[in-house]
């Protein structure tokens, strides 16, 4: 069997851990996908339309999923501070607990973690390269982490009344972004050609902490 095909078949087998028939812990796989995304999405992407686009569903289907998650007290709707006509979908403490304890992906995360930091970095970078090729072939862009986006710009931290402001700026939304927010998913993501300096710094810190 060609090596590339063998690797793809192994990826497919790993994916079976979170794609399943029926439900696990009261949620179907697409509901888990929605809860997982909203738990990792930034404030620009926790909207019903962004959720529908991410899970590949119609607005009506996404709305039904949101209602299911709300009924289980995993989600709450809040008015958007930027646009009062819009709502943000926020994962509750109960939803975060459910993700931490029962998310079907957790078994895969634990298995990858067991590889060690350097192997995890290599696996992540390899999978990113694969997704880049797929995105180019299908002329699409999926949600990804803010720190890898071409719209993220560094800016010098300043102070206002003794408090430090955000260290980064989103050039698309023209809004400040904190360091913590650069680790979140964004559906308006566009990949930068150069490896982000933030990521290089984080990877070096991760490897050093294992030394």
Protein backbone atom coordinates (compact mmCIF):
# COMPACT_ATOMS: atom_id res chain seq x y z
CA UNK A 1 0.00 0.00 0.00
CA UNK A 2 1.40 3.48 -0.87
CA UNK A 3 2.63 5.32 2.23
CA UNK A 4 0.43 8.38 1.61
CA UNK A 5 -2.73 6.28 1.31
CA UNK A 6 -1.85 4.34 4.46
CA UNK A 7 -1.44 7.64 6.35
CA UNK A 8 -4.80 8.93 5.10
CA UNK A 9 -6.55 5.71 6.12
CA UNK A 10 -5.08 6.06 9.60
CA UNK A 11 -6.43 9.63 9.77
CA UNK A 12 -9.87 8.34 8.76
CA UNK A 13 -9.74 5.71 11.51
CA UNK A 14 -8.78 8.38 14.07
CA UNK A 15 -11.70 10.54 12.91
CA UNK A 16 -14.14 7.78 13.82
CA UNK A 17 -13.55 8.71 17.46
CA UNK A 18 -15.69 11.83 17.05
CA UNK A 19 -17.98 11.00 14.11
CA UNK A 20 -20.59 8.54 15.26
CA UNK A 21 -24.21 7.46 14.87
CA UNK A 22 -26.72 8.29 17.56
CA UNK A 23 -25.45 10.31 20.48
CA UNK A 24 -22.82 10.33 23.19
CA UNK A 25 -23.62 11.86 26.57
CA UNK A 26 -26.85 13.23 25.15
CA UNK A 27 -25.39 15.03 22.10
CA UNK A 28 -25.11 14.04 18.44
CA UNK A 29 -21.79 14.48 16.64
CA UNK A 30 -22.81 17.76 14.96
CA UNK A 31 -23.97 19.15 18.31
CA UNK A 32 -20.61 18.24 19.78
CA UNK A 33 -18.96 19.95 16.82
CA UNK A 34 -20.98 23.12 17.45
CA UNK A 35 -20.29 23.18 21.19
CA UNK A 36 -16.60 22.51 20.59
CA UNK A 37 -16.37 25.32 18.03
CA UNK A 38 -18.19 27.86 20.19
CA UNK A 39 -15.92 26.97 23.10
CA UNK A 40 -12.88 27.88 20.97
CA UNK A 41 -14.25 30.70 18.79
CA UNK A 42 -13.35 34.35 19.22
CA UNK A 43 -15.89 37.10 19.76
CA UNK A 44 -16.17 37.78 16.02
CA UNK A 45 -17.16 34.17 15.27
CA UNK A 46 -19.61 33.17 18.01
CA UNK A 47 -22.62 34.08 15.86
CA UNK A 48 -25.37 31.86 14.40
CA UNK A 49 -24.21 32.53 10.82
CA UNK A 50 -20.55 31.77 11.62
CA UNK A 51 -21.60 28.56 13.38
CA UNK A 52 -23.68 27.45 10.39
CA UNK A 53 -20.75 28.04 8.05
CA UNK A 54 -18.29 26.18 10.27
CA UNK A 55 -20.37 23.02 10.70
CA UNK A 56 -21.57 23.09 7.08
CA UNK A 57 -25.25 23.43 7.92
CA UNK A 58 -28.14 25.67 6.93
CA UNK A 59 -29.10 28.53 9.23
CA UNK A 60 -32.25 26.59 10.18
CA UNK A 61 -30.25 23.49 11.16
CA UNK A 62 -27.73 25.57 13.10
CA UNK A 63 -30.60 27.32 14.90
CA UNK A 64 -32.03 23.96 15.96
CA UNK A 65 -28.63 22.86 17.25
CA UNK A 66 -28.33 26.07 19.25
CA UNK A 67 -31.78 25.48 20.76
CA UNK A 68 -30.75 21.96 21.78
CA UNK A 69 -27.58 23.21 23.46
CA UNK A 70 -29.51 26.00 25.18
CA UNK A 71 -32.06 23.52 26.50
CA UNK A 72 -29.22 21.63 28.18
CA UNK A 73 -27.84 24.90 29.65
CA UNK A 74 -24.64 24.57 27.61
CA UNK A 75 -25.16 27.86 25.74
CA UNK A 76 -26.58 31.32 26.38
CA UNK A 77 -27.32 34.10 23.90
CA UNK A 78 -26.06 37.60 24.68
CA UNK A 79 -26.33 40.85 22.70
CA UNK A 80 -23.18 41.67 20.75
CA UNK A 81 -21.36 44.67 22.26
CA UNK A 82 -20.32 45.76 18.75
CA UNK A 83 -23.72 45.33 17.06
CA UNK A 84 -26.87 45.39 19.20
CA UNK A 85 -28.83 43.77 16.35
CA UNK A 86 -26.69 40.63 16.61
CA UNK A 87 -26.26 38.01 19.31
CA UNK A 88 -23.23 36.11 20.57
CA UNK A 89 -23.45 32.44 21.51
CA UNK A 90 -21.50 31.91 24.72
CA UNK A 91 -20.64 28.54 26.24
CA UNK A 92 -21.69 28.36 29.89
CA UNK A 93 -19.66 26.93 32.75
CA UNK A 94 -21.79 23.79 32.48
CA UNK A 95 -21.01 23.57 28.76
CA UNK A 96 -17.29 23.95 29.43
CA UNK A 97 -17.48 21.19 32.04
CA UNK A 98 -19.23 18.93 29.54
CA UNK A 99 -16.52 19.57 26.94
CA UNK A 100 -13.77 18.93 29.48
CA UNK A 101 -15.22 15.67 30.76
CA UNK A 102 -17.16 14.12 27.87
CA UNK A 103 -16.06 15.53 24.49
CA UNK A 104 -15.43 12.50 22.19
CA UNK A 105 -12.33 14.28 20.86
CA UNK A 106 -10.65 14.14 24.28
CA UNK A 107 -9.44 10.57 23.71
CA UNK A 108 -7.65 11.65 20.53
CA UNK A 109 -6.20 14.72 22.28
CA UNK A 110 -4.80 12.52 25.05
CA UNK A 111 -3.26 10.12 22.52
CA UNK A 112 -1.59 12.98 20.62
CA UNK A 113 -0.36 14.54 23.88
CA UNK A 114 1.34 11.25 24.73
CA UNK A 115 3.56 11.66 21.64
CA UNK A 116 5.48 14.48 23.35
CA UNK A 117 5.79 18.18 22.58
CA UNK A 118 8.13 18.03 19.59
CA UNK A 119 6.13 15.26 17.92
CA UNK A 120 2.93 17.23 18.52
CA UNK A 121 4.45 20.28 16.82
CA UNK A 122 5.54 18.22 13.82
CA UNK A 123 2.13 16.57 13.55
CA UNK A 124 0.34 19.93 13.77
CA UNK A 125 2.56 21.47 11.10
CA UNK A 126 2.14 18.47 8.79
CA UNK A 127 -1.64 18.54 9.14
CA UNK A 128 -1.63 22.29 8.51
CA UNK A 129 0.30 21.76 5.27
CA UNK A 130 -2.23 19.14 4.20
CA UNK A 131 -5.13 21.51 4.92
CA UNK A 132 -3.39 24.29 3.00
CA UNK A 133 -3.26 22.05 -0.09
CA UNK A 134 -6.91 21.07 0.33
CA UNK A 135 -7.98 24.69 0.78
CA UNK A 136 -6.12 25.71 -2.37
CA UNK A 137 -7.57 22.82 -4.38
CA UNK A 138 -11.14 23.56 -3.30
CA UNK A 139 -10.69 27.36 -3.17
CA UNK A 140 -11.91 27.55 0.39
CA UNK A 141 -10.73 28.78 3.77
CA UNK A 142 -11.77 27.17 7.02
CA UNK A 143 -11.71 28.67 10.48
CA UNK A 144 -8.34 28.65 12.16
CA UNK A 145 -6.39 30.24 15.00
CA UNK A 146 -6.16 34.02 15.08
CA UNK A 147 -2.37 34.05 15.55
CA UNK A 148 -1.90 32.45 12.09
CA UNK A 149 -4.06 35.03 10.30
CA UNK A 150 -2.78 37.67 7.89
CA UNK A 151 -5.12 40.25 9.47
CA UNK A 152 -3.42 40.07 12.88
CA UNK A 153 -1.00 42.93 13.48
CA UNK A 154 1.24 43.58 16.46
CA UNK A 155 1.08 46.94 18.11
CA UNK A 156 3.07 48.48 20.91
CA UNK A 157 1.29 48.12 24.24
CA UNK A 158 0.28 51.39 25.83
CA UNK A 159 -1.36 52.29 29.07
CA UNK A 160 -4.55 54.09 29.88
CA UNK A 161 -5.14 55.09 33.50
CA UNK A 162 -2.47 52.63 34.53
CA UNK A 163 -3.92 49.66 32.62
CA UNK A 164 -2.26 47.99 29.65
CA UNK A 165 -4.29 47.80 26.45
CA UNK A 166 -4.38 44.96 23.92
CA UNK A 167 -1.08 44.00 22.30
CA UNK A 168 -2.53 43.20 18.87
CA UNK A 169 -5.01 44.56 16.36
CA UNK A 170 -7.32 42.79 13.89
CA UNK A 171 -7.00 44.76 10.66
CA UNK A 172 -10.18 43.21 9.24
CA UNK A 173 -12.47 44.17 12.12
CA UNK A 174 -10.33 47.14 13.19
CA UNK A 175 -10.55 45.94 16.76
CA UNK A 176 -8.02 45.28 19.53
CA UNK A 177 -7.10 41.66 20.22
CA UNK A 178 -5.53 40.41 23.44
CA UNK A 179 -2.75 37.83 23.56
CA UNK A 180 -5.21 35.26 24.93
CA UNK A 181 -7.59 35.87 22.01
CA UNK A 182 -4.88 35.07 19.46
CA UNK A 183 -5.30 31.41 20.47
CA UNK A 184 -8.99 31.35 19.50
CA UNK A 185 -10.68 30.29 16.26
CA UNK A 186 -11.93 32.81 13.71
CA UNK A 187 -14.19 32.14 10.70
CA UNK A 188 -12.85 35.26 8.93
CA UNK A 189 -9.38 33.72 8.98
CA UNK A 190 -6.99 34.11 6.05
CA UNK A 191 -3.65 32.37 6.33
CA UNK A 192 -0.42 34.33 6.37
CA UNK A 193 2.39 33.09 4.13
CA UNK A 194 5.02 33.49 6.83
CA UNK A 195 5.08 31.50 10.03
CA UNK A 196 3.73 33.78 12.77
CA UNK A 197 6.29 35.05 15.29
CA UNK A 198 3.83 34.36 18.11
CA UNK A 199 3.70 30.69 17.16
CA UNK A 200 7.50 30.43 16.95
CA UNK A 201 7.79 31.92 20.43
CA UNK A 202 5.14 29.58 21.86
CA UNK A 203 6.72 26.49 20.28
CA UNK A 204 10.14 27.35 21.70
CA UNK A 205 8.59 27.85 25.14
CA UNK A 206 6.78 24.51 24.90
CA UNK A 207 9.90 22.60 23.94
CA UNK A 208 11.98 24.37 26.63
CA UNK A 209 9.43 23.49 29.32
CA UNK A 210 9.89 19.80 28.48
CA UNK A 211 13.69 20.00 28.73
